[in-house]
Every structure is written in structure tokens, then in C-alpha cells.
């Protein structure tokens, strides 16, 4: 009989729990936060929708460690903890795009975290694209094509002779 490694079965159950989520709305003491940066040691700096509140650290519980990852820009459902000065909350749930849709439908998604309308995004992206090419530096990982620079020099010398 083949037995699987305990971390594999734990990850399997976490993923199953996440996929079969009933999209329950947050309770009164839970709040939605966005990850700003990872501080290491399973700590993440987050911002909440409240403007007057400063960014603070949240900890990742043991059940999520080594099986679930969060990156900058991800949304979390956090619950405050009493102990600790710097770490003020613990992650309850990592929110997926489906969670965002459900919370927006329910009217509890913070305005601070809503995306721009698609048309505004496209117009701002088009403006950025025109400036983008001007800001590019030459790629130093590619060898410079010597033939094209030699041809340009030949053209310059032939025009000088005329």
C-alpha cells in the first residue's frame, strides 16, 4: 500500500476547501485587505479600505504555509488579533476573482479596491504605450548587429563625398 506524504494530503484538502467555497460573506470583525508586500517569515504588509488606517502586518496561519501563496496585489480576508504590536491580524481566506465578483454583487466590496472601467483602462494604456517605446534602453543581452552599423557608415561617407 502506498501512502502519500502528509503535506500533499493537507494541500489537497486546502485546495478542495478553496474550490468548494460557498463564498460566505465576511463577518463583522473580518475585513478585506490588499497585499502590498511580503515581509518574509509568513508576514505580509497589507492595506485596508479604511483611509485613516495605516498599513500593517498580517500573519499567515500554519494551515496555509507551504501550500498557499500570496503575492503583491492579492486580496485577503483578515481577522484582527489582540496580541502583538506590529502584527495586527491573521489571514482567514485568500480571495479569488470569484470571491471578488460575489462580494461586489453583495455590495460589500470596498470602493478603494474596485478596478477602473475597461474604457478608461484602455485610454490610459494607449497613452502609456506611446511614451513606453521612448523610455526603452537598448538590450545589452543581445549582440549589436555590426552589419547594419557598417552600412550606415558607408552611406554617410558616400553622402559626404557627393
Foldseek 3Di string as FASTA:
>chain_A
DDDDDPVVVLLVVVVVCVVPPPLDDDDPQKFKWFFAADPDPQKTWTDGLDPVDDIAIEGEDPSCPPRDDDGGGWMFIWGADDDDDRHGIYTDGGDDVVSVVVCVVVVNDRPVSDDDPPVVVVVVVVVVVVVVVVPDDDDPVDDDDPVVVVVVVVVVVVVVVD
